[in-house]
N, C-alpha and C. Protein backbone atom coordinates (compact mmCIF):
# COMPACT_ATOMS: atom_id res chain seq x y z
N MET A 1 14.03 30.77 -22.10
CA MET A 1 12.81 30.41 -21.36
C MET A 1 12.71 28.98 -21.56
N SER A 2 13.01 28.41 -22.90
CA SER A 2 12.60 26.95 -23.01
C SER A 2 13.90 26.16 -22.34
N GLU A 3 14.79 26.76 -21.93
CA GLU A 3 16.08 26.01 -21.21
C GLU A 3 15.54 26.05 -19.80
N LEU A 4 14.91 26.80 -19.23
CA LEU A 4 14.38 26.85 -18.02
C LEU A 4 13.28 25.96 -17.73
N LEU A 5 12.32 25.87 -18.68
CA LEU A 5 11.48 24.72 -18.85
C LEU A 5 11.89 23.39 -18.81
N MET A 6 13.12 23.14 -19.60
CA MET A 6 13.49 21.96 -19.64
C MET A 6 14.15 21.48 -18.28
N ILE A 7 14.81 22.34 -17.75
CA ILE A 7 15.47 22.07 -16.40
C ILE A 7 14.49 21.82 -15.29
N LEU A 8 13.26 22.60 -15.24
CA LEU A 8 12.28 22.42 -14.39
C LEU A 8 11.67 21.12 -14.56
N GLU A 9 11.50 20.72 -15.90
CA GLU A 9 10.94 19.35 -16.22
C GLU A 9 11.77 18.16 -15.64
N GLU A 10 12.98 18.36 -15.84
CA GLU A 10 14.00 17.42 -15.38
C GLU A 10 14.07 17.27 -13.83
N LEU A 11 13.99 18.38 -13.13
CA LEU A 11 14.10 18.49 -11.79
C LEU A 11 12.65 17.97 -11.35
N LEU A 12 11.59 17.96 -12.04
CA LEU A 12 10.26 17.32 -11.63
C LEU A 12 10.37 15.78 -11.73
N GLU A 13 10.93 15.33 -12.86
CA GLU A 13 10.91 14.06 -13.07
C GLU A 13 11.89 13.36 -12.06
N CYS A 14 12.99 14.18 -11.66
CA CYS A 14 13.98 13.40 -10.56
C CYS A 14 13.37 13.50 -9.26
N ILE A 15 12.42 14.71 -8.91
CA ILE A 15 11.85 14.46 -7.63
C ILE A 15 10.67 13.26 -7.69
N VAL A 16 9.83 13.12 -8.76
CA VAL A 16 8.90 12.15 -8.82
C VAL A 16 9.69 10.66 -8.82
N GLN A 17 10.73 10.59 -9.34
CA GLN A 17 11.41 9.21 -9.28
C GLN A 17 11.99 8.89 -8.00
N ILE A 18 12.48 9.72 -7.14
CA ILE A 18 13.02 9.55 -5.93
C ILE A 18 11.87 9.37 -4.94
N SER A 19 10.79 10.37 -4.99
CA SER A 19 9.45 10.04 -4.29
C SER A 19 8.84 8.68 -4.63
N THR A 20 8.67 8.32 -5.76
CA THR A 20 8.16 7.01 -6.26
C THR A 20 9.10 6.07 -5.33
N ILE A 21 10.25 5.90 -5.58
CA ILE A 21 10.93 4.83 -4.89
C ILE A 21 10.94 4.73 -3.39
N LEU A 22 11.06 5.91 -2.73
CA LEU A 22 10.75 6.12 -1.22
C LEU A 22 9.40 5.47 -0.85
N MET A 23 8.16 5.77 -1.66
CA MET A 23 6.91 5.35 -1.55
C MET A 23 6.92 3.76 -1.43
N GLU A 24 7.54 3.41 -2.56
CA GLU A 24 7.59 1.82 -2.57
C GLU A 24 8.36 1.13 -1.72
N PHE A 25 9.58 1.86 -1.32
CA PHE A 25 10.39 1.13 -0.24
C PHE A 25 9.56 1.23 1.16
N LEU A 26 8.82 2.34 1.36
CA LEU A 26 8.24 2.38 2.52
C LEU A 26 7.03 1.41 2.58
N GLY A 27 6.23 0.94 1.41
CA GLY A 27 5.46 0.04 1.23
C GLY A 27 6.12 -1.40 1.68
N VAL A 28 7.17 -1.56 1.12
CA VAL A 28 7.90 -2.98 1.46
C VAL A 28 8.29 -3.22 2.75
N CYS A 29 8.88 -1.93 3.58
CA CYS A 29 9.19 -1.97 4.88
C CYS A 29 7.88 -2.20 5.59
N VAL A 30 6.83 -1.68 5.40
CA VAL A 30 5.74 -1.95 6.29
C VAL A 30 5.10 -3.35 6.19
N LEU A 31 5.15 -3.91 4.94
CA LEU A 31 4.72 -5.21 4.79
C LEU A 31 5.84 -6.15 5.42
N VAL A 32 6.94 -5.95 5.38
CA VAL A 32 8.03 -6.84 6.05
C VAL A 32 7.73 -6.87 7.56
N ALA A 33 7.77 -5.50 7.95
CA ALA A 33 7.71 -5.48 9.55
C ALA A 33 6.50 -5.86 10.09
N THR A 34 5.28 -5.83 9.33
CA THR A 34 3.95 -6.59 9.74
C THR A 34 4.19 -7.96 9.83
N ALA A 35 4.71 -8.43 8.63
CA ALA A 35 4.78 -10.00 8.53
C ALA A 35 5.55 -10.60 9.76
N VAL A 36 6.82 -9.90 10.05
CA VAL A 36 7.67 -10.27 11.14
C VAL A 36 7.12 -10.26 12.41
N LYS A 37 6.38 -9.16 12.62
CA LYS A 37 5.59 -8.81 13.94
C LYS A 37 4.47 -10.13 14.03
N CYS A 38 3.77 -10.16 13.14
CA CYS A 38 2.71 -11.24 13.28
C CYS A 38 3.20 -12.61 13.28
N PHE A 39 4.25 -13.01 12.67
CA PHE A 39 5.06 -14.26 12.74
C PHE A 39 5.38 -14.39 14.03
N TRP A 40 5.98 -13.48 14.62
CA TRP A 40 6.58 -13.54 16.19
C TRP A 40 5.33 -13.80 17.10
N HIS A 41 4.26 -13.22 16.88
CA HIS A 41 3.13 -13.23 17.87
C HIS A 41 2.59 -14.75 17.41
N LEU A 42 2.56 -15.29 16.35
CA LEU A 42 2.21 -16.68 16.05
C LEU A 42 2.98 -17.67 16.70
N ILE A 43 4.16 -17.49 16.69
CA ILE A 43 5.26 -18.37 17.56
C ILE A 43 4.78 -18.42 18.87
N LYS A 44 4.64 -17.11 19.61
CA LYS A 44 4.37 -16.91 20.90
C LYS A 44 3.08 -17.35 21.31
N ARG A 45 2.00 -17.49 20.26
CA ARG A 45 0.65 -17.83 20.75
C ARG A 45 0.20 -17.16 21.82
N ASP A 46 0.26 -15.81 21.66
CA ASP A 46 -0.18 -14.92 22.82
C ASP A 46 -1.42 -14.43 22.75
N GLY A 47 -2.49 -14.93 21.86
CA GLY A 47 -3.70 -14.25 21.74
C GLY A 47 -3.88 -13.03 20.88
N TYR A 48 -2.81 -12.58 20.34
CA TYR A 48 -2.85 -11.46 19.63
C TYR A 48 -3.62 -11.67 18.40
N ASN A 49 -4.47 -10.81 18.00
CA ASN A 49 -5.32 -10.99 16.70
C ASN A 49 -4.25 -10.83 15.36
N ILE A 50 -3.79 -11.87 15.12
CA ILE A 50 -2.76 -11.91 13.88
C ILE A 50 -3.27 -11.74 12.58
N ARG A 51 -4.46 -12.22 12.23
CA ARG A 51 -5.05 -12.07 11.09
C ARG A 51 -5.48 -10.62 10.71
N LEU A 52 -6.15 -10.01 11.75
CA LEU A 52 -6.53 -8.68 11.50
C LEU A 52 -5.38 -7.70 11.31
N ASN A 53 -4.38 -7.67 12.26
CA ASN A 53 -3.21 -6.85 12.11
C ASN A 53 -2.31 -7.16 10.83
N LEU A 54 -2.32 -8.62 10.27
CA LEU A 54 -1.61 -8.55 9.11
C LEU A 54 -2.44 -8.19 7.98
N ALA A 55 -3.76 -8.12 7.87
CA ALA A 55 -4.60 -7.68 6.88
C ALA A 55 -4.47 -5.92 6.88
N GLN A 56 -4.31 -5.41 8.09
CA GLN A 56 -4.18 -3.92 8.12
C GLN A 56 -2.84 -3.42 7.65
N GLY A 57 -1.83 -4.35 7.95
CA GLY A 57 -0.38 -4.08 7.33
C GLY A 57 -0.40 -4.29 5.84
N ILE A 58 -0.97 -5.27 5.43
CA ILE A 58 -1.02 -5.44 3.94
C ILE A 58 -1.76 -4.33 3.16
N ALA A 59 -2.72 -3.95 3.80
CA ALA A 59 -3.59 -2.91 3.16
C ALA A 59 -2.72 -1.31 3.13
N LEU A 60 -2.02 -1.10 4.31
CA LEU A 60 -1.04 0.23 4.42
C LEU A 60 0.00 -0.03 3.45
N ALA A 61 0.49 -1.24 3.25
CA ALA A 61 1.63 -1.42 2.25
C ALA A 61 1.06 -1.12 0.91
N LEU A 62 -0.02 -1.65 0.66
CA LEU A 62 -0.59 -1.49 -0.70
C LEU A 62 -0.79 0.07 -1.06
N GLU A 63 -1.39 0.81 0.12
CA GLU A 63 -1.57 2.18 -0.23
C GLU A 63 -0.22 2.83 -0.47
N PHE A 64 0.68 2.61 0.06
CA PHE A 64 2.07 3.18 -0.01
C PHE A 64 2.43 2.85 -1.62
N LYS A 65 2.37 1.71 -1.92
CA LYS A 65 2.62 1.21 -3.20
C LYS A 65 1.72 1.99 -4.26
N MET A 66 0.36 2.12 -4.02
CA MET A 66 -0.39 2.66 -4.87
C MET A 66 -0.10 4.17 -5.07
N GLY A 67 0.38 4.91 -3.87
CA GLY A 67 0.74 6.20 -4.03
C GLY A 67 1.91 6.59 -4.87
N GLY A 68 2.88 5.58 -4.86
CA GLY A 68 3.96 5.54 -5.84
C GLY A 68 3.56 5.55 -7.25
N GLU A 69 2.49 4.62 -7.50
CA GLU A 69 2.13 4.56 -9.01
C GLU A 69 1.45 5.74 -9.35
N VAL A 70 0.68 6.39 -8.31
CA VAL A 70 0.03 7.70 -8.75
C VAL A 70 1.08 8.84 -9.11
N LEU A 71 2.15 8.78 -8.22
CA LEU A 71 3.08 9.85 -8.42
C LEU A 71 3.95 9.34 -9.98
N ARG A 72 3.88 8.27 -10.25
CA ARG A 72 4.51 7.92 -11.41
C ARG A 72 3.85 8.38 -12.58
N THR A 73 2.33 8.45 -12.42
CA THR A 73 1.65 9.02 -13.77
C THR A 73 1.92 10.48 -13.94
N VAL A 74 2.54 11.09 -13.17
CA VAL A 74 2.90 12.53 -13.45
C VAL A 74 3.85 12.85 -14.71
N VAL A 75 4.79 11.73 -14.70
CA VAL A 75 5.85 11.80 -15.67
C VAL A 75 5.59 10.96 -16.96
N VAL A 76 4.56 10.35 -17.03
CA VAL A 76 4.11 9.36 -18.00
C VAL A 76 4.05 10.15 -19.62
N ARG A 77 4.73 9.79 -20.42
CA ARG A 77 4.73 10.28 -21.93
C ARG A 77 3.74 9.76 -22.66
N GLU A 78 3.42 8.41 -22.75
CA GLU A 78 2.94 7.50 -23.78
C GLU A 78 1.57 6.93 -23.10
N TRP A 79 0.49 6.81 -24.21
CA TRP A 79 -0.78 6.30 -23.70
C TRP A 79 -0.48 4.90 -23.23
N ALA A 80 0.28 4.30 -23.89
CA ALA A 80 0.32 2.68 -23.47
C ALA A 80 0.89 2.61 -22.02
N GLU A 81 2.02 3.36 -21.66
CA GLU A 81 2.36 3.42 -20.33
C GLU A 81 1.46 3.81 -19.27
N LEU A 82 0.63 4.89 -19.64
CA LEU A 82 -0.34 5.23 -18.77
C LEU A 82 -1.57 4.30 -18.85
N GLY A 83 -1.72 3.39 -19.68
CA GLY A 83 -2.88 2.42 -19.55
C GLY A 83 -2.27 1.27 -18.56
N ILE A 84 -1.04 0.92 -18.56
CA ILE A 84 -0.50 -0.09 -17.75
C ILE A 84 -0.51 0.64 -16.35
N LEU A 85 -0.12 1.74 -16.16
CA LEU A 85 -0.17 2.29 -14.63
C LEU A 85 -1.48 2.35 -14.23
N GLY A 86 -2.47 2.60 -15.09
CA GLY A 86 -4.00 2.70 -14.67
C GLY A 86 -4.37 1.29 -14.22
N ALA A 87 -3.97 0.18 -14.98
CA ALA A 87 -4.33 -1.09 -14.54
C ALA A 87 -3.79 -1.56 -13.36
N ILE A 88 -2.43 -0.96 -13.16
CA ILE A 88 -1.92 -1.50 -11.79
C ILE A 88 -2.46 -0.74 -10.70
N ILE A 89 -2.92 0.45 -10.82
CA ILE A 89 -3.51 1.14 -9.79
C ILE A 89 -4.94 0.57 -9.57
N LEU A 90 -5.62 0.32 -10.58
CA LEU A 90 -6.87 -0.17 -10.53
C LEU A 90 -6.79 -1.60 -9.54
N LEU A 91 -6.06 -2.55 -10.02
CA LEU A 91 -5.59 -3.67 -9.23
C LEU A 91 -5.46 -3.52 -7.85
N ARG A 92 -4.44 -2.52 -7.55
CA ARG A 92 -4.12 -2.22 -6.21
C ARG A 92 -5.25 -1.78 -5.41
N GLY A 93 -6.02 -0.91 -6.12
CA GLY A 93 -7.19 -0.55 -5.55
C GLY A 93 -8.29 -1.51 -5.18
N VAL A 94 -8.43 -2.28 -5.95
CA VAL A 94 -9.38 -3.43 -5.79
C VAL A 94 -8.86 -4.42 -4.64
N LEU A 95 -7.75 -4.52 -4.63
CA LEU A 95 -7.04 -5.43 -3.59
C LEU A 95 -7.17 -4.71 -2.31
N THR A 96 -7.02 -3.49 -2.18
CA THR A 96 -6.99 -2.69 -0.94
C THR A 96 -8.61 -2.83 -0.47
N PHE A 97 -9.39 -2.59 -1.38
CA PHE A 97 -10.73 -2.70 -0.95
C PHE A 97 -11.15 -3.96 -0.45
N LEU A 98 -10.85 -5.10 -1.05
CA LEU A 98 -11.13 -6.32 -0.47
C LEU A 98 -10.45 -6.59 0.74
N ILE A 99 -9.25 -6.13 1.08
CA ILE A 99 -8.53 -6.20 2.33
C ILE A 99 -9.28 -5.42 3.37
N HIS A 100 -9.75 -4.13 3.06
CA HIS A 100 -10.47 -3.46 4.17
C HIS A 100 -11.85 -4.07 4.22
N TRP A 101 -12.33 -4.72 3.38
CA TRP A 101 -13.69 -5.43 3.65
C TRP A 101 -13.37 -6.55 4.48
N GLU A 102 -12.35 -7.44 4.21
CA GLU A 102 -12.01 -8.48 5.21
C GLU A 102 -11.58 -8.00 6.74
N ILE A 103 -10.93 -6.81 6.83
CA ILE A 103 -10.81 -6.27 8.16
C ILE A 103 -12.11 -5.98 8.92
N LYS A 104 -13.02 -5.29 8.00
CA LYS A 104 -14.40 -5.00 8.71
C LYS A 104 -15.02 -6.26 9.13
N ASN A 105 -14.99 -7.29 8.37
CA ASN A 105 -15.71 -8.51 8.67
C ASN A 105 -14.97 -9.18 9.77
N GLU A 106 -13.66 -9.16 9.90
CA GLU A 106 -12.88 -9.72 11.06
C GLU A 106 -13.01 -8.89 12.33
N ARG A 107 -13.25 -7.59 12.31
CA ARG A 107 -13.75 -6.78 13.48
C ARG A 107 -15.05 -7.50 14.02
N LYS A 108 -16.00 -7.29 13.00
CA LYS A 108 -17.31 -7.81 13.45
C LYS A 108 -17.38 -9.13 14.10
N ALA A 109 -16.64 -10.00 13.53
CA ALA A 109 -16.49 -11.46 14.14
C ALA A 109 -15.89 -11.39 15.35
N MET A 110 -14.82 -10.49 15.64
CA MET A 110 -14.30 -10.27 17.01
C MET A 110 -15.09 -9.85 18.18
N GLU A 111 -16.04 -8.73 17.65
CA GLU A 111 -17.01 -8.19 18.54
C GLU A 111 -18.22 -9.17 18.72
N GLN A 112 -18.61 -9.94 17.84
CA GLN A 112 -19.62 -11.07 18.12
C GLN A 112 -19.15 -12.10 19.06
N GLU A 113 -17.78 -12.43 18.81
CA GLU A 113 -17.17 -13.48 19.74
C GLU A 113 -16.90 -12.95 21.24
N GLN A 114 -16.73 -11.55 21.37
CA GLN A 114 -16.71 -10.99 22.82
C GLN A 114 -18.06 -10.94 23.35
N TYR A 115 -18.95 -10.56 22.55
CA TYR A 115 -20.30 -10.42 23.05
C TYR A 115 -20.91 -11.70 23.59
N THR A 116 -20.49 -12.91 22.62
CA THR A 116 -21.16 -14.15 23.19
C THR A 116 -20.29 -14.83 24.41
N GLU A 117 -19.10 -14.28 24.73
CA GLU A 117 -18.34 -14.75 25.77
C GLU A 117 -18.99 -14.24 27.10
N ARG A 118 -19.49 -13.10 27.02
CA ARG A 118 -20.01 -12.37 28.14
C ARG A 118 -21.37 -13.07 28.55
């Protein structure tokens, strides 16, 4: 029975490690794709709302990265490591909150700008 538990524990650890890497990779891909897209629209100067879309892409990338960190907490064995992961999750959470706040303010500014143009 203890051998089965050890095998299941190793399997869980492998699944978590692979999933964590995939989540972080997706976060990086989203961030790079958003940056390239926004840079392209900046060069073209086509009236595309670059700032809002860049903020949304950064927020989505941070959420993927935070998801990877949350998964990593499943296999943590020491309190010190858990404290570090908690601090990283807290920092990324605060950054995501601030970016969402910035997105909300940017949308309000866009709506007011459209309203005053009419």
